[in-house]
Amino acid sequence: NLMNSLPLTGNDIGVEIFDRQVLTPGGESEYKFVTKTYSCASTNDFSVTLVWTDIAGVAGCQKCLQNNLDLTVQQDSFGNTTHPNGRSDPDTDNNSERVRIRNVGPGESLTVRVHAANLVSAEQKFSLVISGCIGDRTVAPVVVPTPAPSPKPVATTSSPINADWHNDMLEAINTERINSGVPSLCFNDKLTSAAEVHVNDMIDSDFFGHTGSNGSSVGT
């Protein structure tokens, strides 16, 4: 009856409403409640209802959720977790889910969780209604951050150097080499290997110069 179902004048049923809450893929919202320290005359049940408007799916498909949210209620004192709609596992068919726990004890702590199990859109709004022999205050909802995706590895290639500034630099170097009577250089594996040796030589000898620490020149 209504007197034992809704928070009306004359009964001791409490209600909390969370409207237009938002979850992103993989995210989770958590709500904590504590029942009153005495048994309520109207009811000692704890009821949670979750609803959301799913996005459009494929025409003719029945029970095809696009954005799937999962509702669970945990009785913290016992560690029991209850799934919605009388199931023993998450409901993947409906966008309206309800958990009802009967005869909840006085002063009992309960945790309500809404998890974005599978979203095909960037976010999903939902509404949550909790009623029963609950106190006037609840712990503010906690939104568990969505795990950050692992960074994608950056692809590397061993393609030949062809940047214009490399060519300009090589041209300037070769001009000086020709003026000094030294053969010109060109990009190849031999030059790359010699350049690496030259760089390591500068690091080991703590100097900077075009020629090596022993007077040698790259490529000769």
N, C-alpha and C. Protein backbone atom coordinates (compact mmCIF):
# COMPACT_ATOMS: atom_id res chain seq x y z
N ASN A 1 0.83 -1.19 0.00
CA ASN A 1 0.00 0.00 0.00
C ASN A 1 0.87 1.24 0.00
N LEU A 2 0.24 2.40 -0.28
CA LEU A 2 1.00 3.64 -0.41
C LEU A 2 1.67 4.04 0.90
N MET A 3 1.01 3.82 2.02
CA MET A 3 1.57 4.23 3.31
C MET A 3 2.87 3.50 3.62
N ASN A 4 3.02 2.30 3.09
CA ASN A 4 4.24 1.53 3.33
C ASN A 4 5.19 1.55 2.14
N SER A 5 4.87 2.40 1.15
CA SER A 5 5.70 2.44 -0.05
C SER A 5 6.32 3.81 -0.30
N LEU A 6 5.58 4.88 0.04
CA LEU A 6 6.03 6.23 -0.26
C LEU A 6 6.24 7.03 1.02
N PRO A 7 7.13 8.03 0.98
CA PRO A 7 7.36 8.88 2.15
C PRO A 7 6.24 9.90 2.31
N LEU A 8 5.15 9.49 2.94
CA LEU A 8 3.99 10.35 3.11
C LEU A 8 3.91 10.85 4.55
N THR A 9 3.11 11.89 4.75
CA THR A 9 2.89 12.40 6.09
C THR A 9 2.26 11.31 6.96
N GLY A 10 2.90 11.05 8.08
CA GLY A 10 2.37 10.04 8.99
C GLY A 10 3.16 8.75 8.99
N ASN A 11 4.11 8.59 8.06
CA ASN A 11 4.96 7.39 8.13
C ASN A 11 6.42 7.80 8.28
N ASP A 12 7.28 6.83 8.47
CA ASP A 12 8.69 7.12 8.75
C ASP A 12 9.61 6.61 7.63
N ILE A 13 9.11 6.60 6.41
CA ILE A 13 9.93 6.18 5.27
C ILE A 13 10.78 7.36 4.80
N GLY A 14 12.06 7.11 4.59
CA GLY A 14 12.95 8.12 4.06
C GLY A 14 13.19 7.88 2.57
N VAL A 15 13.52 8.93 1.85
CA VAL A 15 13.78 8.79 0.41
C VAL A 15 14.90 9.74 0.00
N GLU A 16 15.73 9.28 -0.92
CA GLU A 16 16.78 10.10 -1.51
C GLU A 16 16.68 9.95 -3.03
N ILE A 17 16.78 11.07 -3.74
CA ILE A 17 16.69 11.07 -5.20
C ILE A 17 17.94 11.71 -5.79
N PHE A 18 18.57 11.01 -6.71
CA PHE A 18 19.73 11.53 -7.43
C PHE A 18 19.37 11.56 -8.91
N ASP A 19 19.18 12.76 -9.43
CA ASP A 19 18.67 12.90 -10.80
C ASP A 19 19.78 13.38 -11.74
N ARG A 20 19.75 12.86 -12.96
CA ARG A 20 20.65 13.27 -14.04
C ARG A 20 22.12 13.15 -13.63
N GLN A 21 22.44 12.06 -13.00
CA GLN A 21 23.83 11.75 -12.72
C GLN A 21 24.51 11.33 -14.02
N VAL A 22 25.81 11.51 -14.11
CA VAL A 22 26.52 11.24 -15.37
C VAL A 22 27.66 10.27 -15.13
N LEU A 23 27.76 9.28 -16.01
CA LEU A 23 28.88 8.34 -16.00
C LEU A 23 29.51 8.30 -17.38
N THR A 24 30.82 8.11 -17.41
CA THR A 24 31.55 7.91 -18.65
C THR A 24 31.99 6.44 -18.71
N PRO A 25 32.42 5.95 -19.87
CA PRO A 25 32.75 4.52 -19.99
C PRO A 25 33.71 4.04 -18.90
N GLY A 26 33.32 2.96 -18.23
CA GLY A 26 34.14 2.38 -17.18
C GLY A 26 34.01 3.05 -15.83
N GLY A 27 33.27 4.17 -15.76
CA GLY A 27 33.14 4.91 -14.51
C GLY A 27 32.15 4.28 -13.55
N GLU A 28 32.17 4.75 -12.31
CA GLU A 28 31.29 4.19 -11.28
C GLU A 28 30.93 5.27 -10.27
N SER A 29 29.66 5.33 -9.88
CA SER A 29 29.20 6.22 -8.82
C SER A 29 28.84 5.39 -7.60
N GLU A 30 29.19 5.90 -6.43
CA GLU A 30 28.99 5.15 -5.19
C GLU A 30 28.22 6.02 -4.19
N TYR A 31 27.22 5.42 -3.56
CA TYR A 31 26.37 6.13 -2.60
C TYR A 31 26.27 5.29 -1.32
N LYS A 32 26.54 5.92 -0.18
CA LYS A 32 26.52 5.19 1.09
C LYS A 32 25.34 5.65 1.95
N PHE A 33 24.69 4.69 2.57
CA PHE A 33 23.53 4.97 3.41
C PHE A 33 23.65 4.22 4.73
N VAL A 34 23.02 4.78 5.76
CA VAL A 34 22.92 4.12 7.06
C VAL A 34 21.46 4.14 7.47
N THR A 35 20.93 2.98 7.80
CA THR A 35 19.53 2.92 8.23
C THR A 35 19.38 3.56 9.61
N LYS A 36 18.16 3.89 9.94
CA LYS A 36 17.89 4.50 11.24
C LYS A 36 18.25 3.52 12.36
N THR A 37 18.55 4.06 13.49
CA THR A 37 19.00 3.22 14.61
C THR A 37 17.85 2.51 15.31
N TYR A 38 16.65 2.66 14.79
CA TYR A 38 15.49 1.97 15.34
C TYR A 38 14.69 1.39 14.18
N SER A 39 13.86 0.42 14.46
CA SER A 39 13.02 -0.18 13.42
C SER A 39 11.90 0.79 13.05
N CYS A 40 11.67 0.93 11.76
CA CYS A 40 10.60 1.81 11.30
C CYS A 40 9.26 1.09 11.37
N ALA A 41 8.23 1.83 11.70
CA ALA A 41 6.90 1.23 11.80
C ALA A 41 6.34 0.89 10.43
N SER A 42 6.71 1.69 9.41
CA SER A 42 6.15 1.48 8.07
C SER A 42 6.84 0.34 7.34
N THR A 43 8.17 0.34 7.33
CA THR A 43 8.91 -0.70 6.61
C THR A 43 10.36 -0.72 7.07
N ASN A 44 10.96 -1.88 7.01
CA ASN A 44 12.39 -2.02 7.24
C ASN A 44 13.10 -2.48 5.97
N ASP A 45 12.40 -2.34 4.84
CA ASP A 45 13.01 -2.69 3.56
C ASP A 45 13.90 -1.56 3.06
N PHE A 46 14.85 -1.92 2.23
CA PHE A 46 15.74 -0.95 1.59
C PHE A 46 15.58 -1.15 0.08
N SER A 47 15.09 -0.12 -0.61
CA SER A 47 14.77 -0.24 -2.03
C SER A 47 15.56 0.77 -2.85
N VAL A 48 16.14 0.30 -3.95
CA VAL A 48 16.91 1.15 -4.86
C VAL A 48 16.41 0.91 -6.28
N THR A 49 16.09 1.99 -6.99
CA THR A 49 15.65 1.88 -8.38
C THR A 49 16.54 2.76 -9.26
N LEU A 50 17.06 2.16 -10.32
CA LEU A 50 17.93 2.85 -11.28
C LEU A 50 17.23 2.87 -12.64
N VAL A 51 17.17 4.04 -13.28
CA VAL A 51 16.60 4.15 -14.63
C VAL A 51 17.48 5.07 -15.47
N TRP A 52 17.50 4.81 -16.77
CA TRP A 52 18.20 5.70 -17.70
C TRP A 52 17.58 5.55 -19.08
N THR A 53 17.72 6.57 -19.90
CA THR A 53 17.22 6.55 -21.28
C THR A 53 18.34 6.09 -22.19
N ASP A 54 18.18 4.90 -22.74
CA ASP A 54 19.21 4.35 -23.62
C ASP A 54 19.14 5.03 -24.98
N ILE A 55 20.27 5.06 -25.68
CA ILE A 55 20.29 5.63 -27.02
C ILE A 55 19.66 4.65 -28.00
N ALA A 56 19.31 5.13 -29.17
CA ALA A 56 18.64 4.30 -30.17
C ALA A 56 19.52 3.14 -30.60
N GLY A 57 18.89 1.97 -30.74
CA GLY A 57 19.61 0.78 -31.20
C GLY A 57 19.18 0.38 -32.60
N VAL A 58 19.43 -0.86 -32.94
CA VAL A 58 19.09 -1.38 -34.26
C VAL A 58 17.59 -1.69 -34.30
N ALA A 59 16.93 -1.29 -35.37
CA ALA A 59 15.49 -1.52 -35.52
C ALA A 59 15.18 -3.01 -35.46
N GLY A 60 14.16 -3.37 -34.67
CA GLY A 60 13.73 -4.76 -34.58
C GLY A 60 14.46 -5.58 -33.54
N CYS A 61 15.49 -5.03 -32.94
CA CYS A 61 16.26 -5.78 -31.94
C CYS A 61 15.59 -5.64 -30.58
N GLN A 62 15.33 -6.75 -29.91
CA GLN A 62 14.71 -6.75 -28.60
C GLN A 62 15.75 -7.02 -27.51
N LYS A 63 15.62 -6.28 -26.42
CA LYS A 63 16.55 -6.40 -25.30
C LYS A 63 17.99 -6.21 -25.75
N CYS A 64 18.20 -5.15 -26.52
CA CYS A 64 19.54 -4.85 -27.04
C CYS A 64 20.00 -3.52 -26.46
N LEU A 65 20.49 -3.54 -25.24
CA LEU A 65 20.99 -2.31 -24.63
C LEU A 65 22.20 -1.80 -25.39
N GLN A 66 22.23 -0.49 -25.63
CA GLN A 66 23.41 0.13 -26.21
C GLN A 66 24.35 0.58 -25.09
N ASN A 67 23.79 1.30 -24.13
CA ASN A 67 24.56 1.72 -22.96
C ASN A 67 24.07 0.92 -21.75
N ASN A 68 24.93 0.07 -21.23
CA ASN A 68 24.56 -0.82 -20.14
C ASN A 68 25.14 -0.33 -18.82
N LEU A 69 24.26 -0.04 -17.86
CA LEU A 69 24.67 0.31 -16.50
C LEU A 69 24.32 -0.85 -15.58
N ASP A 70 25.15 -1.07 -14.57
CA ASP A 70 24.93 -2.15 -13.62
C ASP A 70 24.71 -1.59 -12.21
N LEU A 71 23.65 -2.03 -11.57
CA LEU A 71 23.31 -1.62 -10.21
C LEU A 71 23.61 -2.75 -9.24
N THR A 72 24.27 -2.43 -8.13
CA THR A 72 24.48 -3.40 -7.05
C THR A 72 24.31 -2.70 -5.71
N VAL A 73 23.91 -3.47 -4.70
CA VAL A 73 23.80 -2.96 -3.33
C VAL A 73 24.56 -3.90 -2.42
N GLN A 74 25.47 -3.33 -1.65
CA GLN A 74 26.28 -4.14 -0.73
C GLN A 74 25.90 -3.83 0.71
N GLN A 75 25.62 -4.88 1.47
CA GLN A 75 25.40 -4.74 2.91
C GLN A 75 26.77 -4.81 3.58
N ASP A 76 27.28 -3.65 3.96
CA ASP A 76 28.68 -3.56 4.40
C ASP A 76 28.98 -4.42 5.62
N SER A 77 28.02 -4.58 6.50
CA SER A 77 28.26 -5.35 7.72
C SER A 77 28.48 -6.82 7.43
N PHE A 78 27.86 -7.31 6.35
CA PHE A 78 27.94 -8.74 6.03
C PHE A 78 28.75 -9.02 4.77
N GLY A 79 28.98 -7.99 3.96
CA GLY A 79 29.71 -8.18 2.71
C GLY A 79 28.85 -8.77 1.61
N ASN A 80 27.53 -8.84 1.83
CA ASN A 80 26.64 -9.40 0.81
C ASN A 80 26.40 -8.39 -0.30
N THR A 81 26.43 -8.84 -1.55
CA THR A 81 26.14 -7.99 -2.69
C THR A 81 24.89 -8.51 -3.40
N THR A 82 23.91 -7.62 -3.60
CA THR A 82 22.66 -7.99 -4.24
C THR A 82 22.56 -7.36 -5.62
N HIS A 83 22.20 -8.18 -6.62
CA HIS A 83 22.01 -7.70 -7.99
C HIS A 83 20.53 -7.39 -8.21
N PRO A 84 20.21 -6.63 -9.26
CA PRO A 84 18.84 -6.18 -9.45
C PRO A 84 17.92 -7.22 -10.08
N ASN A 85 16.61 -6.93 -9.98
CA ASN A 85 15.57 -7.68 -10.69
C ASN A 85 15.59 -9.17 -10.37
N GLY A 86 15.98 -9.50 -9.12
CA GLY A 86 15.97 -10.89 -8.69
C GLY A 86 17.04 -11.76 -9.31
N ARG A 87 18.05 -11.16 -9.90
CA ARG A 87 19.11 -11.92 -10.56
C ARG A 87 20.27 -12.17 -9.60
N SER A 88 21.09 -13.14 -9.97
CA SER A 88 22.31 -13.42 -9.21
C SER A 88 23.53 -12.86 -9.91
N ASP A 89 23.30 -12.15 -11.01
CA ASP A 89 24.38 -11.53 -11.77
C ASP A 89 23.85 -10.23 -12.37
N PRO A 90 24.72 -9.41 -13.00
CA PRO A 90 24.26 -8.14 -13.55
C PRO A 90 23.16 -8.32 -14.60
N ASP A 91 22.25 -7.35 -14.65
CA ASP A 91 21.18 -7.34 -15.65
C ASP A 91 21.69 -6.60 -16.88
N THR A 92 21.81 -7.29 -17.99
CA THR A 92 22.31 -6.69 -19.23
C THR A 92 21.20 -6.47 -20.26
N ASP A 93 19.93 -6.63 -19.83
CA ASP A 93 18.81 -6.53 -20.78
C ASP A 93 17.95 -5.29 -20.60
N ASN A 94 17.88 -4.76 -19.37
CA ASN A 94 16.91 -3.71 -19.07
C ASN A 94 17.57 -2.40 -18.67
N ASN A 95 16.89 -1.29 -19.01
CA ASN A 95 17.37 0.02 -18.58
C ASN A 95 16.58 0.54 -17.38
N SER A 96 15.92 -0.37 -16.68
CA SER A 96 15.27 -0.09 -15.41
C SER A 96 15.61 -1.25 -14.47
N GLU A 97 16.32 -0.94 -13.39
CA GLU A 97 16.79 -1.99 -12.49
C GLU A 97 16.40 -1.64 -11.05
N ARG A 98 16.02 -2.68 -10.29
CA ARG A 98 15.63 -2.45 -8.90
C ARG A 98 16.21 -3.51 -7.99
N VAL A 99 16.70 -3.05 -6.85
CA VAL A 99 17.15 -3.95 -5.78
C VAL A 99 16.28 -3.67 -4.55
N ARG A 100 15.74 -4.75 -3.98
CA ARG A 100 14.94 -4.61 -2.75
C ARG A 100 15.45 -5.61 -1.73
N ILE A 101 15.92 -5.08 -0.60
CA ILE A 101 16.42 -5.92 0.48
C ILE A 101 15.46 -5.79 1.66
N ARG A 102 14.93 -6.90 2.07
CA ARG A 102 13.93 -6.88 3.14
C ARG A 102 14.57 -7.00 4.53
N ASN A 103 13.89 -6.41 5.50
CA ASN A 103 14.24 -6.54 6.92
C ASN A 103 15.69 -6.14 7.19
N VAL A 104 16.06 -4.96 6.73
CA VAL A 104 17.39 -4.44 7.02
C VAL A 104 17.44 -4.00 8.48
N GLY A 105 18.53 -4.35 9.16
CA GLY A 105 18.63 -4.06 10.58
C GLY A 105 18.89 -2.60 10.89
N PRO A 106 18.59 -2.18 12.12
CA PRO A 106 18.83 -0.79 12.54
C PRO A 106 20.32 -0.45 12.50
N GLY A 107 20.64 0.76 12.04
CA GLY A 107 22.02 1.22 12.01
C GLY A 107 22.90 0.49 11.02
N GLU A 108 22.31 -0.18 10.05
CA GLU A 108 23.10 -0.95 9.09
C GLU A 108 23.62 -0.05 7.97
N SER A 109 24.86 -0.30 7.55
CA SER A 109 25.49 0.48 6.48
C SER A 109 25.34 -0.26 5.16
N LEU A 110 24.93 0.49 4.12
CA LEU A 110 24.76 -0.09 2.79
C LEU A 110 25.44 0.80 1.74
N THR A 111 26.01 0.18 0.74
CA THR A 111 26.68 0.91 -0.34
C THR A 111 26.01 0.58 -1.67
N VAL A 112 25.52 1.62 -2.33
CA VAL A 112 24.89 1.48 -3.65
C VAL A 112 25.90 1.89 -4.71
N ARG A 113 26.05 1.04 -5.72
CA ARG A 113 26.99 1.35 -6.80
C ARG A 113 26.30 1.27 -8.15
N VAL A 114 26.62 2.25 -9.01
CA VAL A 114 26.16 2.23 -10.40
C VAL A 114 27.41 2.26 -11.27
N HIS A 115 27.57 1.22 -12.06
CA HIS A 115 28.79 1.05 -12.86
C HIS A 115 28.45 1.10 -14.35
N ALA A 116 29.22 1.89 -15.09
CA ALA A 116 29.05 1.96 -16.55
C ALA A 116 29.79 0.78 -17.17
N ALA A 117 29.09 -0.34 -17.27
CA ALA A 117 29.72 -1.58 -17.72
C ALA A 117 30.09 -1.54 -19.20
N ASN A 118 29.21 -0.92 -20.00
CA ASN A 118 29.48 -0.86 -21.44
C ASN A 118 28.72 0.31 -22.04
N LEU A 119 29.45 1.30 -22.54
CA LEU A 119 28.84 2.47 -23.18
C LEU A 119 29.35 2.58 -24.60
N VAL A 120 28.42 2.86 -25.52
CA VAL A 120 28.84 3.12 -26.90
C VAL A 120 28.89 4.61 -27.17
N SER A 121 28.40 5.41 -26.24
CA SER A 121 28.48 6.87 -26.35
C SER A 121 29.46 7.40 -25.32
N ALA A 122 29.74 8.69 -25.40
CA ALA A 122 30.76 9.29 -24.53
C ALA A 122 30.32 9.35 -23.07
N GLU A 123 29.01 9.38 -22.81
CA GLU A 123 28.52 9.43 -21.45
C GLU A 123 27.08 8.93 -21.40
N GLN A 124 26.61 8.65 -20.17
CA GLN A 124 25.23 8.22 -19.98
C GLN A 124 24.69 8.84 -18.70
N LYS A 125 23.55 9.52 -18.80
CA LYS A 125 22.88 10.08 -17.62
C LYS A 125 21.93 9.04 -17.04
N PHE A 126 21.73 9.11 -15.72
CA PHE A 126 20.82 8.19 -15.07
C PHE A 126 20.21 8.86 -13.85
N SER A 127 19.14 8.24 -13.35
CA SER A 127 18.49 8.70 -12.12
C SER A 127 18.39 7.54 -11.15
N LEU A 128 18.49 7.87 -9.86
CA LEU A 128 18.52 6.84 -8.82
C LEU A 128 17.59 7.27 -7.69
N VAL A 129 16.73 6.35 -7.24
CA VAL A 129 15.82 6.63 -6.13
C VAL A 129 16.03 5.56 -5.06
N ILE A 130 16.29 6.01 -3.83
CA ILE A 130 16.50 5.10 -2.70
C ILE A 130 15.45 5.40 -1.64
N SER A 131 14.80 4.38 -1.16
CA SER A 131 13.78 4.58 -0.12
C SER A 131 13.86 3.46 0.90
N GLY A 132 13.31 3.74 2.07
CA GLY A 132 13.30 2.74 3.13
C GLY A 132 13.49 3.38 4.49
N CYS A 133 13.90 2.59 5.43
CA CYS A 133 14.12 3.06 6.79
C CYS A 133 15.52 3.66 6.90
N ILE A 134 15.71 4.75 6.15
CA ILE A 134 17.04 5.38 6.10
C ILE A 134 17.00 6.71 6.81
N GLY A 135 18.17 7.14 7.28
CA GLY A 135 18.27 8.40 8.00
C GLY A 135 18.08 9.59 7.08
N ASP A 136 18.06 10.76 7.69
CA ASP A 136 17.84 11.98 6.92
C ASP A 136 19.05 12.37 6.08
N ARG A 137 20.21 11.89 6.46
CA ARG A 137 21.42 12.28 5.74
C ARG A 137 22.12 11.06 5.16
N THR A 138 22.76 11.26 4.05
CA THR A 138 23.58 10.22 3.43
C THR A 138 24.94 10.81 3.14
N VAL A 139 25.90 9.95 2.99
CA VAL A 139 27.22 10.40 2.58
C VAL A 139 27.14 10.87 1.14
N ALA A 140 27.77 11.99 0.83
CA ALA A 140 27.73 12.52 -0.54
C ALA A 140 28.22 11.47 -1.52
N PRO A 141 27.59 11.40 -2.70
CA PRO A 141 28.01 10.40 -3.69
C PRO A 141 29.45 10.58 -4.11
N VAL A 142 30.12 9.47 -4.31
CA VAL A 142 31.52 9.48 -4.74
C VAL A 142 31.59 8.92 -6.15
N VAL A 143 32.18 9.68 -7.05
CA VAL A 143 32.35 9.21 -8.42
C VAL A 143 33.75 8.65 -8.55
N VAL A 144 33.83 7.37 -8.85
CA VAL A 144 35.13 6.72 -9.03
C VAL A 144 35.64 7.09 -10.41
N PRO A 145 36.85 7.68 -10.52
CA PRO A 145 37.35 8.10 -11.83
C PRO A 145 37.46 6.94 -12.80
N THR A 146 37.19 7.22 -14.06
CA THR A 146 37.37 6.23 -15.10
C THR A 146 38.85 5.95 -15.29
N PRO A 147 39.23 4.68 -15.27
CA PRO A 147 40.65 4.37 -15.49
C PRO A 147 41.16 4.96 -16.79
N ALA A 148 42.35 5.61 -16.71
CA ALA A 148 42.94 6.19 -17.92
C ALA A 148 43.44 5.08 -18.83
N PRO A 149 43.20 5.23 -20.14
CA PRO A 149 43.69 4.20 -21.07
C PRO A 149 45.21 4.18 -21.12
N SER A 150 45.77 3.02 -21.36
CA SER A 150 47.22 2.90 -21.49
C SER A 150 47.69 3.64 -22.73
N PRO A 151 48.80 4.39 -22.61
CA PRO A 151 49.29 5.13 -23.79
C PRO A 151 49.67 4.18 -24.91
N LYS A 152 49.30 4.57 -26.11
CA LYS A 152 49.65 3.76 -27.27
C LYS A 152 51.12 3.93 -27.61
N PRO A 153 51.81 2.84 -27.94
CA PRO A 153 53.22 2.96 -28.31
C PRO A 153 53.38 3.79 -29.57
N VAL A 154 54.43 4.59 -29.58
CA VAL A 154 54.72 5.42 -30.74
C VAL A 154 55.52 4.61 -31.74
N ALA A 155 55.00 4.54 -32.96
CA ALA A 155 55.68 3.77 -33.99
C ALA A 155 56.95 4.49 -34.43
N THR A 156 58.01 3.75 -34.59
CA THR A 156 59.28 4.30 -35.07
C THR A 156 59.65 3.62 -36.37
N THR A 157 60.32 4.34 -37.21
CA THR A 157 60.76 3.81 -38.50
C THR A 157 62.24 4.06 -38.67
N SER A 158 62.83 3.32 -39.55
CA SER A 158 64.25 3.49 -39.85
C SER A 158 64.42 4.01 -41.27
N SER A 159 63.45 4.83 -41.71
CA SER A 159 63.52 5.37 -43.07
C SER A 159 64.68 6.34 -43.18
N PRO A 160 65.25 6.50 -44.38
CA PRO A 160 66.40 7.38 -44.58
C PRO A 160 66.05 8.81 -44.22
N ILE A 161 67.04 9.55 -43.73
CA ILE A 161 66.84 10.96 -43.39
C ILE A 161 66.64 11.75 -44.66
N ASN A 162 65.55 12.50 -44.74
CA ASN A 162 65.30 13.28 -45.94
C ASN A 162 64.79 14.68 -45.63
N ALA A 163 64.91 15.12 -44.38
CA ALA A 163 64.47 16.45 -44.02
C ALA A 163 65.31 17.50 -44.74
N ASP A 164 64.70 18.60 -45.15
CA ASP A 164 65.40 19.63 -45.91
C ASP A 164 66.55 20.23 -45.13
N TRP A 165 66.38 20.41 -43.81
CA TRP A 165 67.45 21.05 -43.06
C TRP A 165 68.67 20.16 -42.98
N HIS A 166 68.46 18.84 -42.99
CA HIS A 166 69.62 17.94 -43.02
C HIS A 166 70.39 18.11 -44.32
N ASN A 167 69.65 18.23 -45.42
CA ASN A 167 70.31 18.41 -46.71
C ASN A 167 71.05 19.74 -46.77
N ASP A 168 70.43 20.80 -46.21
CA ASP A 168 71.09 22.11 -46.19
C ASP A 168 72.37 22.06 -45.37
N MET A 169 72.30 21.36 -44.22
CA MET A 169 73.49 21.27 -43.38
C MET A 169 74.59 20.48 -44.08
N LEU A 170 74.20 19.36 -44.72
CA LEU A 170 75.21 18.56 -45.42
C LEU A 170 75.84 19.35 -46.56
N GLU A 171 75.02 20.15 -47.23
CA GLU A 171 75.55 20.96 -48.33
C GLU A 171 76.56 21.98 -47.82
N ALA A 172 76.26 22.60 -46.67
CA ALA A 172 77.19 23.58 -46.10
C ALA A 172 78.49 22.91 -45.66
N ILE A 173 78.38 21.71 -45.08
CA ILE A 173 79.58 20.98 -44.65
C ILE A 173 80.43 20.60 -45.84
N ASN A 174 79.77 20.11 -46.89
CA ASN A 174 80.52 19.69 -48.08
C ASN A 174 81.21 20.86 -48.76
N THR A 175 80.58 22.05 -48.70
CA THR A 175 81.24 23.24 -49.27
C THR A 175 82.56 23.51 -48.57
N GLU A 176 82.57 23.42 -47.23
CA GLU A 176 83.79 23.64 -46.48
C GLU A 176 84.80 22.53 -46.74
N ARG A 177 84.31 21.30 -46.89
CA ARG A 177 85.23 20.18 -47.14
C ARG A 177 85.90 20.33 -48.51
N ILE A 178 85.11 20.74 -49.51
CA ILE A 178 85.69 20.93 -50.85
C ILE A 178 86.74 22.03 -50.82
N ASN A 179 86.44 23.13 -50.12
CA ASN A 179 87.42 24.23 -50.01
C ASN A 179 88.68 23.79 -49.29
N SER A 180 88.55 22.76 -48.43
CA SER A 180 89.71 22.27 -47.70
C SER A 180 90.37 21.09 -48.40
N GLY A 181 89.84 20.71 -49.58
CA GLY A 181 90.42 19.60 -50.32
C GLY A 181 90.06 18.25 -49.76
N VAL A 182 88.92 18.18 -49.01
CA VAL A 182 88.48 16.92 -48.41
C VAL A 182 87.27 16.41 -49.20
N PRO A 183 87.17 15.11 -49.47
CA PRO A 183 86.05 14.57 -50.25
C PRO A 183 84.70 14.90 -49.61
N SER A 184 83.68 15.09 -50.46
CA SER A 184 82.33 15.37 -49.99
C SER A 184 81.73 14.14 -49.31
N LEU A 185 80.70 14.40 -48.49
CA LEU A 185 79.99 13.33 -47.79
C LEU A 185 78.58 13.18 -48.37
N CYS A 186 77.99 12.02 -48.18
CA CYS A 186 76.59 11.79 -48.55
C CYS A 186 75.96 10.90 -47.48
N PHE A 187 74.62 10.99 -47.33
CA PHE A 187 73.93 10.19 -46.32
C PHE A 187 73.95 8.71 -46.70
N ASN A 188 74.54 7.90 -45.84
CA ASN A 188 74.52 6.45 -46.01
C ASN A 188 74.82 5.82 -44.65
N ASP A 189 74.80 4.50 -44.59
CA ASP A 189 75.03 3.81 -43.32
C ASP A 189 76.40 4.10 -42.75
N LYS A 190 77.40 4.23 -43.63
CA LYS A 190 78.76 4.50 -43.17
C LYS A 190 78.84 5.86 -42.49
N LEU A 191 78.18 6.87 -43.09
CA LEU A 191 78.20 8.21 -42.51
C LEU A 191 77.47 8.22 -41.17
N THR A 192 76.33 7.53 -41.10
CA THR A 192 75.57 7.47 -39.85
C THR A 192 76.38 6.83 -38.74
N SER A 193 77.06 5.72 -39.05
CA SER A 193 77.89 5.04 -38.06
C SER A 193 79.04 5.92 -37.61
N ALA A 194 79.68 6.60 -38.58
CA ALA A 194 80.81 7.48 -38.23
C ALA A 194 80.35 8.65 -37.37
N ALA A 195 79.14 9.17 -37.65
CA ALA A 195 78.62 10.28 -36.87
C ALA A 195 78.35 9.86 -35.43
N GLU A 196 77.84 8.63 -35.24
CA GLU A 196 77.60 8.13 -33.89
C GLU A 196 78.90 8.00 -33.12
N VAL A 197 79.95 7.51 -33.79
CA VAL A 197 81.26 7.40 -33.14
C VAL A 197 81.77 8.78 -32.74
N HIS A 198 81.56 9.76 -33.64
CA HIS A 198 82.03 11.13 -33.37
C HIS A 198 81.29 11.74 -32.17
N VAL A 199 79.98 11.49 -32.10
CA VAL A 199 79.19 12.02 -30.98
C VAL A 199 79.66 11.42 -29.66
N ASN A 200 79.86 10.10 -29.64
CA ASN A 200 80.35 9.44 -28.42
C ASN A 200 81.73 9.94 -28.04
N ASP A 201 82.56 10.23 -29.05
CA ASP A 201 83.91 10.76 -28.79
C ASP A 201 83.82 12.12 -28.12
N MET A 202 82.90 12.98 -28.59
CA MET A 202 82.74 14.30 -27.98
C MET A 202 82.25 14.18 -26.54
N ILE A 203 81.34 13.22 -26.30
CA ILE A 203 80.83 13.04 -24.94
C ILE A 203 81.93 12.54 -24.01
N ASP A 204 82.68 11.53 -24.46
CA ASP A 204 83.73 10.95 -23.62
C ASP A 204 84.86 11.94 -23.36
N SER A 205 85.17 12.78 -24.37
CA SER A 205 86.31 13.70 -24.25
C SER A 205 85.92 15.09 -23.79
N ASP A 206 84.61 15.30 -23.57
CA ASP A 206 84.10 16.58 -23.09
C ASP A 206 84.56 17.74 -23.97
N PHE A 207 84.29 17.63 -25.27
CA PHE A 207 84.61 18.72 -26.19
C PHE A 207 83.54 18.75 -27.27
N PHE A 208 83.50 19.87 -28.02
CA PHE A 208 82.58 19.99 -29.14
C PHE A 208 83.34 20.53 -30.34
N GLY A 209 83.25 19.84 -31.46
CA GLY A 209 83.94 20.30 -32.66
C GLY A 209 83.61 19.44 -33.85
N HIS A 210 83.93 19.95 -35.03
CA HIS A 210 83.66 19.19 -36.25
C HIS A 210 84.62 18.02 -36.39
N THR A 211 85.86 18.22 -36.00
CA THR A 211 86.84 17.14 -36.07
C THR A 211 86.89 16.40 -34.75
N GLY A 212 87.41 15.18 -34.76
CA GLY A 212 87.51 14.39 -33.56
C GLY A 212 88.57 14.91 -32.62
N SER A 213 88.62 14.37 -31.43
CA SER A 213 89.59 14.82 -30.43
C SER A 213 91.02 14.54 -30.87
N ASN A 214 91.19 13.62 -31.80
CA ASN A 214 92.54 13.31 -32.30
C ASN A 214 92.81 13.97 -33.64
N GLY A 215 91.93 14.92 -34.04
CA GLY A 215 92.13 15.63 -35.30
C GLY A 215 91.46 14.97 -36.48
N SER A 216 90.83 13.80 -36.30
CA SER A 216 90.18 13.12 -37.41
C SER A 216 88.89 13.82 -37.78
N SER A 217 88.44 13.61 -39.02
CA SER A 217 87.22 14.22 -39.52
C SER A 217 86.20 13.12 -39.79
N VAL A 218 84.91 13.39 -39.52
CA VAL A 218 83.87 12.41 -39.76
C VAL A 218 83.86 12.00 -41.22
N GLY A 219 83.88 10.71 -41.48
CA GLY A 219 83.82 10.21 -42.84
C GLY A 219 85.17 10.02 -43.48
N THR A 220 86.26 10.34 -42.79
CA THR A 220 87.60 10.15 -43.38
C THR A 220 88.40 9.23 -42.47
